[in-house]
Each structure stands twice: as structure tokens, then as C-alpha cells.
Amino acid sequence: IKSRNPAKILAFIDILRYLNGVKFK
């Protein structure tokens, strides 16, 4: 994901926490 706004990337990373059974790096 590429963005000029860091808040968009941080919001997306926050959404990733809610996926069950998926590990992320």
C-alpha cells in the first residue's frame, strides 16, 4: 500500500488486527 497520508496506512493496519487466523508481517 502506498500513500502520502500516514493515517490511511495506520487505519488499514488497525483493521488487520480483526482478521481471525491470519498472521501478518
PDBML (XML) file of the C-alpha atoms, coordinates in Angstrom:
<?xml version="1.0" encoding="UTF-8" ?>
<PDBx:datablock datablockName="MODEL"
   xmlns:PDBx="http://pdbml.pdb.org/schema/pdbx-v50.xsd"
   xmlns:xsi="http://www.w3.org/2001/XMLSchema-instance"
   xsi:schemaLocation="http://pdbml.pdb.org/schema/pdbx-v50.xsd pdbx-v50.xsd">
   <PDBx:atom_siteCategory>
      <PDBx:atom_site id="1">
         <PDBx:B_iso_or_equiv>0.00</PDBx:B_iso_or_equiv>
         <PDBx:Cartn_x>0.000</PDBx:Cartn_x>
         <PDBx:Cartn_y>0.000</PDBx:Cartn_y>
         <PDBx:Cartn_z>0.000</PDBx:Cartn_z>
         <PDBx:auth_asym_id>A</PDBx:auth_asym_id>
         <PDBx:auth_atom_id>CA</PDBx:auth_atom_id>
         <PDBx:auth_comp_id>ILE</PDBx:auth_comp_id>
         <PDBx:auth_seq_id>1</PDBx:auth_seq_id>
         <PDBx:group_PDB>ATOM</PDBx:group_PDB>
         <PDBx:label_alt_id xsi:nil="true" />
         <PDBx:label_asym_id>A</PDBx:label_asym_id>
         <PDBx:label_atom_id>CA</PDBx:label_atom_id>
         <PDBx:label_comp_id>ILE</PDBx:label_comp_id>
         <PDBx:label_entity_id>1</PDBx:label_entity_id>
         <PDBx:label_seq_id>1</PDBx:label_seq_id>
         <PDBx:occupancy>1.00</PDBx:occupancy>
         <PDBx:pdbx_PDB_model_num>1</PDBx:pdbx_PDB_model_num>
         <PDBx:type_symbol>C</PDBx:type_symbol>
      </PDBx:atom_site>
      <PDBx:atom_site id="2">
         <PDBx:B_iso_or_equiv>0.00</PDBx:B_iso_or_equiv>
         <PDBx:Cartn_x>1.378</PDBx:Cartn_x>
         <PDBx:Cartn_y>3.421</PDBx:Cartn_y>
         <PDBx:Cartn_z>-0.951</PDBx:Cartn_z>
         <PDBx:auth_asym_id>A</PDBx:auth_asym_id>
         <PDBx:auth_atom_id>CA</PDBx:auth_atom_id>
         <PDBx:auth_comp_id>LYS</PDBx:auth_comp_id>
         <PDBx:auth_seq_id>2</PDBx:auth_seq_id>
         <PDBx:group_PDB>ATOM</PDBx:group_PDB>
         <PDBx:label_alt_id xsi:nil="true" />
         <PDBx:label_asym_id>A</PDBx:label_asym_id>
         <PDBx:label_atom_id>CA</PDBx:label_atom_id>
         <PDBx:label_comp_id>LYS</PDBx:label_comp_id>
         <PDBx:label_entity_id>1</PDBx:label_entity_id>
         <PDBx:label_seq_id>2</PDBx:label_seq_id>
         <PDBx:occupancy>1.00</PDBx:occupancy>
         <PDBx:pdbx_PDB_model_num>1</PDBx:pdbx_PDB_model_num>
         <PDBx:type_symbol>C</PDBx:type_symbol>
      </PDBx:atom_site>
      <PDBx:atom_site id="3">
         <PDBx:B_iso_or_equiv>0.00</PDBx:B_iso_or_equiv>
         <PDBx:Cartn_x>0.007</PDBx:Cartn_x>
         <PDBx:Cartn_y>6.657</PDBx:Cartn_y>
         <PDBx:Cartn_z>0.437</PDBx:Cartn_z>
         <PDBx:auth_asym_id>A</PDBx:auth_asym_id>
         <PDBx:auth_atom_id>CA</PDBx:auth_atom_id>
         <PDBx:auth_comp_id>SER</PDBx:auth_comp_id>
         <PDBx:auth_seq_id>3</PDBx:auth_seq_id>
         <PDBx:group_PDB>ATOM</PDBx:group_PDB>
         <PDBx:label_alt_id xsi:nil="true" />
         <PDBx:label_asym_id>A</PDBx:label_asym_id>
         <PDBx:label_atom_id>CA</PDBx:label_atom_id>
         <PDBx:label_comp_id>SER</PDBx:label_comp_id>
         <PDBx:label_entity_id>1</PDBx:label_entity_id>
         <PDBx:label_seq_id>3</PDBx:label_seq_id>
         <PDBx:occupancy>1.00</PDBx:occupancy>
         <PDBx:pdbx_PDB_model_num>1</PDBx:pdbx_PDB_model_num>
         <PDBx:type_symbol>C</PDBx:type_symbol>
      </PDBx:atom_site>
      <PDBx:atom_site id="4">
         <PDBx:B_iso_or_equiv>0.00</PDBx:B_iso_or_equiv>
         <PDBx:Cartn_x>1.082</PDBx:Cartn_x>
         <PDBx:Cartn_y>10.208</PDBx:Cartn_y>
         <PDBx:Cartn_z>1.174</PDBx:Cartn_z>
         <PDBx:auth_asym_id>A</PDBx:auth_asym_id>
         <PDBx:auth_atom_id>CA</PDBx:auth_atom_id>
         <PDBx:auth_comp_id>ARG</PDBx:auth_comp_id>
         <PDBx:auth_seq_id>4</PDBx:auth_seq_id>
         <PDBx:group_PDB>ATOM</PDBx:group_PDB>
         <PDBx:label_alt_id xsi:nil="true" />
         <PDBx:label_asym_id>A</PDBx:label_asym_id>
         <PDBx:label_atom_id>CA</PDBx:label_atom_id>
         <PDBx:label_comp_id>ARG</PDBx:label_comp_id>
         <PDBx:label_entity_id>1</PDBx:label_entity_id>
         <PDBx:label_seq_id>4</PDBx:label_seq_id>
         <PDBx:occupancy>1.00</PDBx:occupancy>
         <PDBx:pdbx_PDB_model_num>1</PDBx:pdbx_PDB_model_num>
         <PDBx:type_symbol>C</PDBx:type_symbol>
      </PDBx:atom_site>
      <PDBx:atom_site id="5">
         <PDBx:B_iso_or_equiv>0.00</PDBx:B_iso_or_equiv>
         <PDBx:Cartn_x>-1.122</PDBx:Cartn_x>
         <PDBx:Cartn_y>10.189</PDBx:Cartn_y>
         <PDBx:Cartn_z>4.268</PDBx:Cartn_z>
         <PDBx:auth_asym_id>A</PDBx:auth_asym_id>
         <PDBx:auth_atom_id>CA</PDBx:auth_atom_id>
         <PDBx:auth_comp_id>ASN</PDBx:auth_comp_id>
         <PDBx:auth_seq_id>5</PDBx:auth_seq_id>
         <PDBx:group_PDB>ATOM</PDBx:group_PDB>
         <PDBx:label_alt_id xsi:nil="true" />
         <PDBx:label_asym_id>A</PDBx:label_asym_id>
         <PDBx:label_atom_id>CA</PDBx:label_atom_id>
         <PDBx:label_comp_id>ASN</PDBx:label_comp_id>
         <PDBx:label_entity_id>1</PDBx:label_entity_id>
         <PDBx:label_seq_id>5</PDBx:label_seq_id>
         <PDBx:occupancy>1.00</PDBx:occupancy>
         <PDBx:pdbx_PDB_model_num>1</PDBx:pdbx_PDB_model_num>
         <PDBx:type_symbol>C</PDBx:type_symbol>
      </PDBx:atom_site>
      <PDBx:atom_site id="6">
         <PDBx:B_iso_or_equiv>0.00</PDBx:B_iso_or_equiv>
         <PDBx:Cartn_x>0.271</PDBx:Cartn_x>
         <PDBx:Cartn_y>8.028</PDBx:Cartn_y>
         <PDBx:Cartn_z>7.119</PDBx:Cartn_z>
         <PDBx:auth_asym_id>A</PDBx:auth_asym_id>
         <PDBx:auth_atom_id>CA</PDBx:auth_atom_id>
         <PDBx:auth_comp_id>PRO</PDBx:auth_comp_id>
         <PDBx:auth_seq_id>6</PDBx:auth_seq_id>
         <PDBx:group_PDB>ATOM</PDBx:group_PDB>
         <PDBx:label_alt_id xsi:nil="true" />
         <PDBx:label_asym_id>A</PDBx:label_asym_id>
         <PDBx:label_atom_id>CA</PDBx:label_atom_id>
         <PDBx:label_comp_id>PRO</PDBx:label_comp_id>
         <PDBx:label_entity_id>1</PDBx:label_entity_id>
         <PDBx:label_seq_id>6</PDBx:label_seq_id>
         <PDBx:occupancy>1.00</PDBx:occupancy>
         <PDBx:pdbx_PDB_model_num>1</PDBx:pdbx_PDB_model_num>
         <PDBx:type_symbol>C</PDBx:type_symbol>
      </PDBx:atom_site>
      <PDBx:atom_site id="7">
         <PDBx:B_iso_or_equiv>0.00</PDBx:B_iso_or_equiv>
         <PDBx:Cartn_x>-3.143</PDBx:Cartn_x>
         <PDBx:Cartn_y>7.971</PDBx:Cartn_y>
         <PDBx:Cartn_z>8.839</PDBx:Cartn_z>
         <PDBx:auth_asym_id>A</PDBx:auth_asym_id>
         <PDBx:auth_atom_id>CA</PDBx:auth_atom_id>
         <PDBx:auth_comp_id>ALA</PDBx:auth_comp_id>
         <PDBx:auth_seq_id>7</PDBx:auth_seq_id>
         <PDBx:group_PDB>ATOM</PDBx:group_PDB>
         <PDBx:label_alt_id xsi:nil="true" />
         <PDBx:label_asym_id>A</PDBx:label_asym_id>
         <PDBx:label_atom_id>CA</PDBx:label_atom_id>
         <PDBx:label_comp_id>ALA</PDBx:label_comp_id>
         <PDBx:label_entity_id>1</PDBx:label_entity_id>
         <PDBx:label_seq_id>7</PDBx:label_seq_id>
         <PDBx:occupancy>1.00</PDBx:occupancy>
         <PDBx:pdbx_PDB_model_num>1</PDBx:pdbx_PDB_model_num>
         <PDBx:type_symbol>C</PDBx:type_symbol>
      </PDBx:atom_site>
      <PDBx:atom_site id="8">
         <PDBx:B_iso_or_equiv>0.00</PDBx:B_iso_or_equiv>
         <PDBx:Cartn_x>-4.589</PDBx:Cartn_x>
         <PDBx:Cartn_y>5.853</PDBx:Cartn_y>
         <PDBx:Cartn_z>5.999</PDBx:Cartn_z>
         <PDBx:auth_asym_id>A</PDBx:auth_asym_id>
         <PDBx:auth_atom_id>CA</PDBx:auth_atom_id>
         <PDBx:auth_comp_id>LYS</PDBx:auth_comp_id>
         <PDBx:auth_seq_id>8</PDBx:auth_seq_id>
         <PDBx:group_PDB>ATOM</PDBx:group_PDB>
         <PDBx:label_alt_id xsi:nil="true" />
         <PDBx:label_asym_id>A</PDBx:label_asym_id>
         <PDBx:label_atom_id>CA</PDBx:label_atom_id>
         <PDBx:label_comp_id>LYS</PDBx:label_comp_id>
         <PDBx:label_entity_id>1</PDBx:label_entity_id>
         <PDBx:label_seq_id>8</PDBx:label_seq_id>
         <PDBx:occupancy>1.00</PDBx:occupancy>
         <PDBx:pdbx_PDB_model_num>1</PDBx:pdbx_PDB_model_num>
         <PDBx:type_symbol>C</PDBx:type_symbol>
      </PDBx:atom_site>
      <PDBx:atom_site id="9">
         <PDBx:B_iso_or_equiv>0.00</PDBx:B_iso_or_equiv>
         <PDBx:Cartn_x>-1.866</PDBx:Cartn_x>
         <PDBx:Cartn_y>3.250</PDBx:Cartn_y>
         <PDBx:Cartn_z>6.399</PDBx:Cartn_z>
         <PDBx:auth_asym_id>A</PDBx:auth_asym_id>
         <PDBx:auth_atom_id>CA</PDBx:auth_atom_id>
         <PDBx:auth_comp_id>ILE</PDBx:auth_comp_id>
         <PDBx:auth_seq_id>9</PDBx:auth_seq_id>
         <PDBx:group_PDB>ATOM</PDBx:group_PDB>
         <PDBx:label_alt_id xsi:nil="true" />
         <PDBx:label_asym_id>A</PDBx:label_asym_id>
         <PDBx:label_atom_id>CA</PDBx:label_atom_id>
         <PDBx:label_comp_id>ILE</PDBx:label_comp_id>
         <PDBx:label_entity_id>1</PDBx:label_entity_id>
         <PDBx:label_seq_id>9</PDBx:label_seq_id>
         <PDBx:occupancy>1.00</PDBx:occupancy>
         <PDBx:pdbx_PDB_model_num>1</PDBx:pdbx_PDB_model_num>
         <PDBx:type_symbol>C</PDBx:type_symbol>
      </PDBx:atom_site>
      <PDBx:atom_site id="10">
         <PDBx:B_iso_or_equiv>0.00</PDBx:B_iso_or_equiv>
         <PDBx:Cartn_x>-2.238</PDBx:Cartn_x>
         <PDBx:Cartn_y>3.170</PDBx:Cartn_y>
         <PDBx:Cartn_z>10.174</PDBx:Cartn_z>
         <PDBx:auth_asym_id>A</PDBx:auth_asym_id>
         <PDBx:auth_atom_id>CA</PDBx:auth_atom_id>
         <PDBx:auth_comp_id>LEU</PDBx:auth_comp_id>
         <PDBx:auth_seq_id>10</PDBx:auth_seq_id>
         <PDBx:group_PDB>ATOM</PDBx:group_PDB>
         <PDBx:label_alt_id xsi:nil="true" />
         <PDBx:label_asym_id>A</PDBx:label_asym_id>
         <PDBx:label_atom_id>CA</PDBx:label_atom_id>
         <PDBx:label_comp_id>LEU</PDBx:label_comp_id>
         <PDBx:label_entity_id>1</PDBx:label_entity_id>
         <PDBx:label_seq_id>10</PDBx:label_seq_id>
         <PDBx:occupancy>1.00</PDBx:occupancy>
         <PDBx:pdbx_PDB_model_num>1</PDBx:pdbx_PDB_model_num>
         <PDBx:type_symbol>C</PDBx:type_symbol>
      </PDBx:atom_site>
      <PDBx:atom_site id="11">
         <PDBx:B_iso_or_equiv>0.00</PDBx:B_iso_or_equiv>
         <PDBx:Cartn_x>-6.009</PDBx:Cartn_x>
         <PDBx:Cartn_y>2.760</PDBx:Cartn_y>
         <PDBx:Cartn_z>9.825</PDBx:Cartn_z>
         <PDBx:auth_asym_id>A</PDBx:auth_asym_id>
         <PDBx:auth_atom_id>CA</PDBx:auth_atom_id>
         <PDBx:auth_comp_id>ALA</PDBx:auth_comp_id>
         <PDBx:auth_seq_id>11</PDBx:auth_seq_id>
         <PDBx:group_PDB>ATOM</PDBx:group_PDB>
         <PDBx:label_alt_id xsi:nil="true" />
         <PDBx:label_asym_id>A</PDBx:label_asym_id>
         <PDBx:label_atom_id>CA</PDBx:label_atom_id>
         <PDBx:label_comp_id>ALA</PDBx:label_comp_id>
         <PDBx:label_entity_id>1</PDBx:label_entity_id>
         <PDBx:label_seq_id>11</PDBx:label_seq_id>
         <PDBx:occupancy>1.00</PDBx:occupancy>
         <PDBx:pdbx_PDB_model_num>1</PDBx:pdbx_PDB_model_num>
         <PDBx:type_symbol>C</PDBx:type_symbol>
      </PDBx:atom_site>
      <PDBx:atom_site id="12">
         <PDBx:B_iso_or_equiv>0.00</PDBx:B_iso_or_equiv>
         <PDBx:Cartn_x>-5.505</PDBx:Cartn_x>
         <PDBx:Cartn_y>-0.186</PDBx:Cartn_y>
         <PDBx:Cartn_z>7.474</PDBx:Cartn_z>
         <PDBx:auth_asym_id>A</PDBx:auth_asym_id>
         <PDBx:auth_atom_id>CA</PDBx:auth_atom_id>
         <PDBx:auth_comp_id>PHE</PDBx:auth_comp_id>
         <PDBx:auth_seq_id>12</PDBx:auth_seq_id>
         <PDBx:group_PDB>ATOM</PDBx:group_PDB>
         <PDBx:label_alt_id xsi:nil="true" />
         <PDBx:label_asym_id>A</PDBx:label_asym_id>
         <PDBx:label_atom_id>CA</PDBx:label_atom_id>
         <PDBx:label_comp_id>PHE</PDBx:label_comp_id>
         <PDBx:label_entity_id>1</PDBx:label_entity_id>
         <PDBx:label_seq_id>12</PDBx:label_seq_id>
         <PDBx:occupancy>1.00</PDBx:occupancy>
         <PDBx:pdbx_PDB_model_num>1</PDBx:pdbx_PDB_model_num>
         <PDBx:type_symbol>C</PDBx:type_symbol>
      </PDBx:atom_site>
      <PDBx:atom_site id="13">
         <PDBx:B_iso_or_equiv>0.00</PDBx:B_iso_or_equiv>
         <PDBx:Cartn_x>-3.032</PDBx:Cartn_x>
         <PDBx:Cartn_y>-1.828</PDBx:Cartn_y>
         <PDBx:Cartn_z>9.864</PDBx:Cartn_z>
         <PDBx:auth_asym_id>A</PDBx:auth_asym_id>
         <PDBx:auth_atom_id>CA</PDBx:auth_atom_id>
         <PDBx:auth_comp_id>ILE</PDBx:auth_comp_id>
         <PDBx:auth_seq_id>13</PDBx:auth_seq_id>
         <PDBx:group_PDB>ATOM</PDBx:group_PDB>
         <PDBx:label_alt_id xsi:nil="true" />
         <PDBx:label_asym_id>A</PDBx:label_asym_id>
         <PDBx:label_atom_id>CA</PDBx:label_atom_id>
         <PDBx:label_comp_id>ILE</PDBx:label_comp_id>
         <PDBx:label_entity_id>1</PDBx:label_entity_id>
         <PDBx:label_seq_id>13</PDBx:label_seq_id>
         <PDBx:occupancy>1.00</PDBx:occupancy>
         <PDBx:pdbx_PDB_model_num>1</PDBx:pdbx_PDB_model_num>
         <PDBx:type_symbol>C</PDBx:type_symbol>
      </PDBx:atom_site>
      <PDBx:atom_site id="14">
         <PDBx:B_iso_or_equiv>0.00</PDBx:B_iso_or_equiv>
         <PDBx:Cartn_x>-5.607</PDBx:Cartn_x>
         <PDBx:Cartn_y>-1.402</PDBx:Cartn_y>
         <PDBx:Cartn_z>12.636</PDBx:Cartn_z>
         <PDBx:auth_asym_id>A</PDBx:auth_asym_id>
         <PDBx:auth_atom_id>CA</PDBx:auth_atom_id>
         <PDBx:auth_comp_id>ASP</PDBx:auth_comp_id>
         <PDBx:auth_seq_id>14</PDBx:auth_seq_id>
         <PDBx:group_PDB>ATOM</PDBx:group_PDB>
         <PDBx:label_alt_id xsi:nil="true" />
         <PDBx:label_asym_id>A</PDBx:label_asym_id>
         <PDBx:label_atom_id>CA</PDBx:label_atom_id>
         <PDBx:label_comp_id>ASP</PDBx:label_comp_id>
         <PDBx:label_entity_id>1</PDBx:label_entity_id>
         <PDBx:label_seq_id>14</PDBx:label_seq_id>
         <PDBx:occupancy>1.00</PDBx:occupancy>
         <PDBx:pdbx_PDB_model_num>1</PDBx:pdbx_PDB_model_num>
         <PDBx:type_symbol>C</PDBx:type_symbol>
      </PDBx:atom_site>
      <PDBx:atom_site id="15">
         <PDBx:B_iso_or_equiv>0.00</PDBx:B_iso_or_equiv>
         <PDBx:Cartn_x>-8.199</PDBx:Cartn_x>
         <PDBx:Cartn_y>-3.269</PDBx:Cartn_y>
         <PDBx:Cartn_z>10.526</PDBx:Cartn_z>
         <PDBx:auth_asym_id>A</PDBx:auth_asym_id>
         <PDBx:auth_atom_id>CA</PDBx:auth_atom_id>
         <PDBx:auth_comp_id>ILE</PDBx:auth_comp_id>
         <PDBx:auth_seq_id>15</PDBx:auth_seq_id>
         <PDBx:group_PDB>ATOM</PDBx:group_PDB>
         <PDBx:label_alt_id xsi:nil="true" />
         <PDBx:label_asym_id>A</PDBx:label_asym_id>
         <PDBx:label_atom_id>CA</PDBx:label_atom_id>
         <PDBx:label_comp_id>ILE</PDBx:label_comp_id>
         <PDBx:label_entity_id>1</PDBx:label_entity_id>
         <PDBx:label_seq_id>15</PDBx:label_seq_id>
         <PDBx:occupancy>1.00</PDBx:occupancy>
         <PDBx:pdbx_PDB_model_num>1</PDBx:pdbx_PDB_model_num>
         <PDBx:type_symbol>C</PDBx:type_symbol>
      </PDBx:atom_site>
      <PDBx:atom_site id="16">
         <PDBx:B_iso_or_equiv>0.00</PDBx:B_iso_or_equiv>
         <PDBx:Cartn_x>-5.788</PDBx:Cartn_x>
         <PDBx:Cartn_y>-6.199</PDBx:Cartn_y>
         <PDBx:Cartn_z>10.052</PDBx:Cartn_z>
         <PDBx:auth_asym_id>A</PDBx:auth_asym_id>
         <PDBx:auth_atom_id>CA</PDBx:auth_atom_id>
         <PDBx:auth_comp_id>LEU</PDBx:auth_comp_id>
         <PDBx:auth_seq_id>16</PDBx:auth_seq_id>
         <PDBx:group_PDB>ATOM</PDBx:group_PDB>
         <PDBx:label_alt_id xsi:nil="true" />
         <PDBx:label_asym_id>A</PDBx:label_asym_id>
         <PDBx:label_atom_id>CA</PDBx:label_atom_id>
         <PDBx:label_comp_id>LEU</PDBx:label_comp_id>
         <PDBx:label_entity_id>1</PDBx:label_entity_id>
         <PDBx:label_seq_id>16</PDBx:label_seq_id>
         <PDBx:occupancy>1.00</PDBx:occupancy>
         <PDBx:pdbx_PDB_model_num>1</PDBx:pdbx_PDB_model_num>
         <PDBx:type_symbol>C</PDBx:type_symbol>
      </PDBx:atom_site>
      <PDBx:atom_site id="17">
         <PDBx:B_iso_or_equiv>0.00</PDBx:B_iso_or_equiv>
         <PDBx:Cartn_x>-5.994</PDBx:Cartn_x>
         <PDBx:Cartn_y>-6.970</PDBx:Cartn_y>
         <PDBx:Cartn_z>13.780</PDBx:Cartn_z>
         <PDBx:auth_asym_id>A</PDBx:auth_asym_id>
         <PDBx:auth_atom_id>CA</PDBx:auth_atom_id>
         <PDBx:auth_comp_id>ARG</PDBx:auth_comp_id>
         <PDBx:auth_seq_id>17</PDBx:auth_seq_id>
         <PDBx:group_PDB>ATOM</PDBx:group_PDB>
         <PDBx:label_alt_id xsi:nil="true" />
         <PDBx:label_asym_id>A</PDBx:label_asym_id>
         <PDBx:label_atom_id>CA</PDBx:label_atom_id>
         <PDBx:label_comp_id>ARG</PDBx:label_comp_id>
         <PDBx:label_entity_id>1</PDBx:label_entity_id>
         <PDBx:label_seq_id>17</PDBx:label_seq_id>
         <PDBx:occupancy>1.00</PDBx:occupancy>
         <PDBx:pdbx_PDB_model_num>1</PDBx:pdbx_PDB_model_num>
         <PDBx:type_symbol>C</PDBx:type_symbol>
      </PDBx:atom_site>
      <PDBx:atom_site id="18">
         <PDBx:B_iso_or_equiv>0.00</PDBx:B_iso_or_equiv>
         <PDBx:Cartn_x>-9.597</PDBx:Cartn_x>
         <PDBx:Cartn_y>-8.141</PDBx:Cartn_y>
         <PDBx:Cartn_z>13.443</PDBx:Cartn_z>
         <PDBx:auth_asym_id>A</PDBx:auth_asym_id>
         <PDBx:auth_atom_id>CA</PDBx:auth_atom_id>
         <PDBx:auth_comp_id>TYR</PDBx:auth_comp_id>
         <PDBx:auth_seq_id>18</PDBx:auth_seq_id>
         <PDBx:group_PDB>ATOM</PDBx:group_PDB>
         <PDBx:label_alt_id xsi:nil="true" />
         <PDBx:label_asym_id>A</PDBx:label_asym_id>
         <PDBx:label_atom_id>CA</PDBx:label_atom_id>
         <PDBx:label_comp_id>TYR</PDBx:label_comp_id>
         <PDBx:label_entity_id>1</PDBx:label_entity_id>
         <PDBx:label_seq_id>18</PDBx:label_seq_id>
         <PDBx:occupancy>1.00</PDBx:occupancy>
         <PDBx:pdbx_PDB_model_num>1</PDBx:pdbx_PDB_model_num>
         <PDBx:type_symbol>C</PDBx:type_symbol>
      </PDBx:atom_site>
      <PDBx:atom_site id="19">
         <PDBx:B_iso_or_equiv>0.00</PDBx:B_iso_or_equiv>
         <PDBx:Cartn_x>-8.959</PDBx:Cartn_x>
         <PDBx:Cartn_y>-10.979</PDBx:Cartn_y>
         <PDBx:Cartn_z>10.979</PDBx:Cartn_z>
         <PDBx:auth_asym_id>A</PDBx:auth_asym_id>
         <PDBx:auth_atom_id>CA</PDBx:auth_atom_id>
         <PDBx:auth_comp_id>LEU</PDBx:auth_comp_id>
         <PDBx:auth_seq_id>19</PDBx:auth_seq_id>
         <PDBx:group_PDB>ATOM</PDBx:group_PDB>
         <PDBx:label_alt_id xsi:nil="true" />
         <PDBx:label_asym_id>A</PDBx:label_asym_id>
         <PDBx:label_atom_id>CA</PDBx:label_atom_id>
         <PDBx:label_comp_id>LEU</PDBx:label_comp_id>
         <PDBx:label_entity_id>1</PDBx:label_entity_id>
         <PDBx:label_seq_id>19</PDBx:label_seq_id>
         <PDBx:occupancy>1.00</PDBx:occupancy>
         <PDBx:pdbx_PDB_model_num>1</PDBx:pdbx_PDB_model_num>
         <PDBx:type_symbol>C</PDBx:type_symbol>
      </PDBx:atom_site>
      <PDBx:atom_site id="20">
         <PDBx:B_iso_or_equiv>0.00</PDBx:B_iso_or_equiv>
         <PDBx:Cartn_x>-9.043</PDBx:Cartn_x>
         <PDBx:Cartn_y>-14.323</PDBx:Cartn_y>
         <PDBx:Cartn_z>12.779</PDBx:Cartn_z>
         <PDBx:auth_asym_id>A</PDBx:auth_asym_id>
         <PDBx:auth_atom_id>CA</PDBx:auth_atom_id>
         <PDBx:auth_comp_id>ASN</PDBx:auth_comp_id>
         <PDBx:auth_seq_id>20</PDBx:auth_seq_id>
         <PDBx:group_PDB>ATOM</PDBx:group_PDB>
         <PDBx:label_alt_id xsi:nil="true" />
         <PDBx:label_asym_id>A</PDBx:label_asym_id>
         <PDBx:label_atom_id>CA</PDBx:label_atom_id>
         <PDBx:label_comp_id>ASN</PDBx:label_comp_id>
         <PDBx:label_entity_id>1</PDBx:label_entity_id>
         <PDBx:label_seq_id>20</PDBx:label_seq_id>
         <PDBx:occupancy>1.00</PDBx:occupancy>
         <PDBx:pdbx_PDB_model_num>1</PDBx:pdbx_PDB_model_num>
         <PDBx:type_symbol>C</PDBx:type_symbol>
      </PDBx:atom_site>
      <PDBx:atom_site id="21">
         <PDBx:B_iso_or_equiv>0.00</PDBx:B_iso_or_equiv>
         <PDBx:Cartn_x>-6.454</PDBx:Cartn_x>
         <PDBx:Cartn_y>-16.967</PDBx:Cartn_y>
         <PDBx:Cartn_z>11.995</PDBx:Cartn_z>
         <PDBx:auth_asym_id>A</PDBx:auth_asym_id>
         <PDBx:auth_atom_id>CA</PDBx:auth_atom_id>
         <PDBx:auth_comp_id>GLY</PDBx:auth_comp_id>
         <PDBx:auth_seq_id>21</PDBx:auth_seq_id>
         <PDBx:group_PDB>ATOM</PDBx:group_PDB>
         <PDBx:label_alt_id xsi:nil="true" />
         <PDBx:label_asym_id>A</PDBx:label_asym_id>
         <PDBx:label_atom_id>CA</PDBx:label_atom_id>
         <PDBx:label_comp_id>GLY</PDBx:label_comp_id>
         <PDBx:label_entity_id>1</PDBx:label_entity_id>
         <PDBx:label_seq_id>21</PDBx:label_seq_id>
         <PDBx:occupancy>1.00</PDBx:occupancy>
         <PDBx:pdbx_PDB_model_num>1</PDBx:pdbx_PDB_model_num>
         <PDBx:type_symbol>C</PDBx:type_symbol>
      </PDBx:atom_site>
      <PDBx:atom_site id="22">
         <PDBx:B_iso_or_equiv>0.00</PDBx:B_iso_or_equiv>
         <PDBx:Cartn_x>-4.269</PDBx:Cartn_x>
         <PDBx:Cartn_y>-14.754</PDBx:Cartn_y>
         <PDBx:Cartn_z>9.808</PDBx:Cartn_z>
         <PDBx:auth_asym_id>A</PDBx:auth_asym_id>
         <PDBx:auth_atom_id>CA</PDBx:auth_atom_id>
         <PDBx:auth_comp_id>VAL</PDBx:auth_comp_id>
         <PDBx:auth_seq_id>22</PDBx:auth_seq_id>
         <PDBx:group_PDB>ATOM</PDBx:group_PDB>
         <PDBx:label_alt_id xsi:nil="true" />
         <PDBx:label_asym_id>A</PDBx:label_asym_id>
         <PDBx:label_atom_id>CA</PDBx:label_atom_id>
         <PDBx:label_comp_id>VAL</PDBx:label_comp_id>
         <PDBx:label_entity_id>1</PDBx:label_entity_id>
         <PDBx:label_seq_id>22</PDBx:label_seq_id>
         <PDBx:occupancy>1.00</PDBx:occupancy>
         <PDBx:pdbx_PDB_model_num>1</PDBx:pdbx_PDB_model_num>
         <PDBx:type_symbol>C</PDBx:type_symbol>
      </PDBx:atom_site>
      <PDBx:atom_site id="23">
         <PDBx:B_iso_or_equiv>0.00</PDBx:B_iso_or_equiv>
         <PDBx:Cartn_x>-0.682</PDBx:Cartn_x>
         <PDBx:Cartn_y>-13.855</PDBx:Cartn_y>
         <PDBx:Cartn_z>10.744</PDBx:Cartn_z>
         <PDBx:auth_asym_id>A</PDBx:auth_asym_id>
         <PDBx:auth_atom_id>CA</PDBx:auth_atom_id>
         <PDBx:auth_comp_id>LYS</PDBx:auth_comp_id>
         <PDBx:auth_seq_id>23</PDBx:auth_seq_id>
         <PDBx:group_PDB>ATOM</PDBx:group_PDB>
         <PDBx:label_alt_id xsi:nil="true" />
         <PDBx:label_asym_id>A</PDBx:label_asym_id>
         <PDBx:label_atom_id>CA</PDBx:label_atom_id>
         <PDBx:label_comp_id>LYS</PDBx:label_comp_id>
         <PDBx:label_entity_id>1</PDBx:label_entity_id>
         <PDBx:label_seq_id>23</PDBx:label_seq_id>
         <PDBx:occupancy>1.00</PDBx:occupancy>
         <PDBx:pdbx_PDB_model_num>1</PDBx:pdbx_PDB_model_num>
         <PDBx:type_symbol>C</PDBx:type_symbol>
      </PDBx:atom_site>
      <PDBx:atom_site id="24">
         <PDBx:B_iso_or_equiv>0.00</PDBx:B_iso_or_equiv>
         <PDBx:Cartn_x>0.929</PDBx:Cartn_x>
         <PDBx:Cartn_y>-10.728</PDBx:Cartn_y>
         <PDBx:Cartn_z>9.345</PDBx:Cartn_z>
         <PDBx:auth_asym_id>A</PDBx:auth_asym_id>
         <PDBx:auth_atom_id>CA</PDBx:auth_atom_id>
         <PDBx:auth_comp_id>PHE</PDBx:auth_comp_id>
         <PDBx:auth_seq_id>24</PDBx:auth_seq_id>
         <PDBx:group_PDB>ATOM</PDBx:group_PDB>
         <PDBx:label_alt_id xsi:nil="true" />
         <PDBx:label_asym_id>A</PDBx:label_asym_id>
         <PDBx:label_atom_id>CA</PDBx:label_atom_id>
         <PDBx:label_comp_id>PHE</PDBx:label_comp_id>
         <PDBx:label_entity_id>1</PDBx:label_entity_id>
         <PDBx:label_seq_id>24</PDBx:label_seq_id>
         <PDBx:occupancy>1.00</PDBx:occupancy>
         <PDBx:pdbx_PDB_model_num>1</PDBx:pdbx_PDB_model_num>
         <PDBx:type_symbol>C</PDBx:type_symbol>
      </PDBx:atom_site>
      <PDBx:atom_site id="25">
         <PDBx:B_iso_or_equiv>0.00</PDBx:B_iso_or_equiv>
         <PDBx:Cartn_x>4.380</PDBx:Cartn_x>
         <PDBx:Cartn_y>-9.318</PDBx:Cartn_y>
         <PDBx:Cartn_z>8.844</PDBx:Cartn_z>
         <PDBx:auth_asym_id>A</PDBx:auth_asym_id>
         <PDBx:auth_atom_id>CA</PDBx:auth_atom_id>
         <PDBx:auth_comp_id>LYS</PDBx:auth_comp_id>
         <PDBx:auth_seq_id>25</PDBx:auth_seq_id>
         <PDBx:group_PDB>ATOM</PDBx:group_PDB>
         <PDBx:label_alt_id xsi:nil="true" />
         <PDBx:label_asym_id>A</PDBx:label_asym_id>
         <PDBx:label_atom_id>CA</PDBx:label_atom_id>
         <PDBx:label_comp_id>LYS</PDBx:label_comp_id>
         <PDBx:label_entity_id>1</PDBx:label_entity_id>
         <PDBx:label_seq_id>25</PDBx:label_seq_id>
         <PDBx:occupancy>1.00</PDBx:occupancy>
         <PDBx:pdbx_PDB_model_num>1</PDBx:pdbx_PDB_model_num>
         <PDBx:type_symbol>C</PDBx:type_symbol>
      </PDBx:atom_site>
   </PDBx:atom_siteCategory>
</PDBx:datablock>
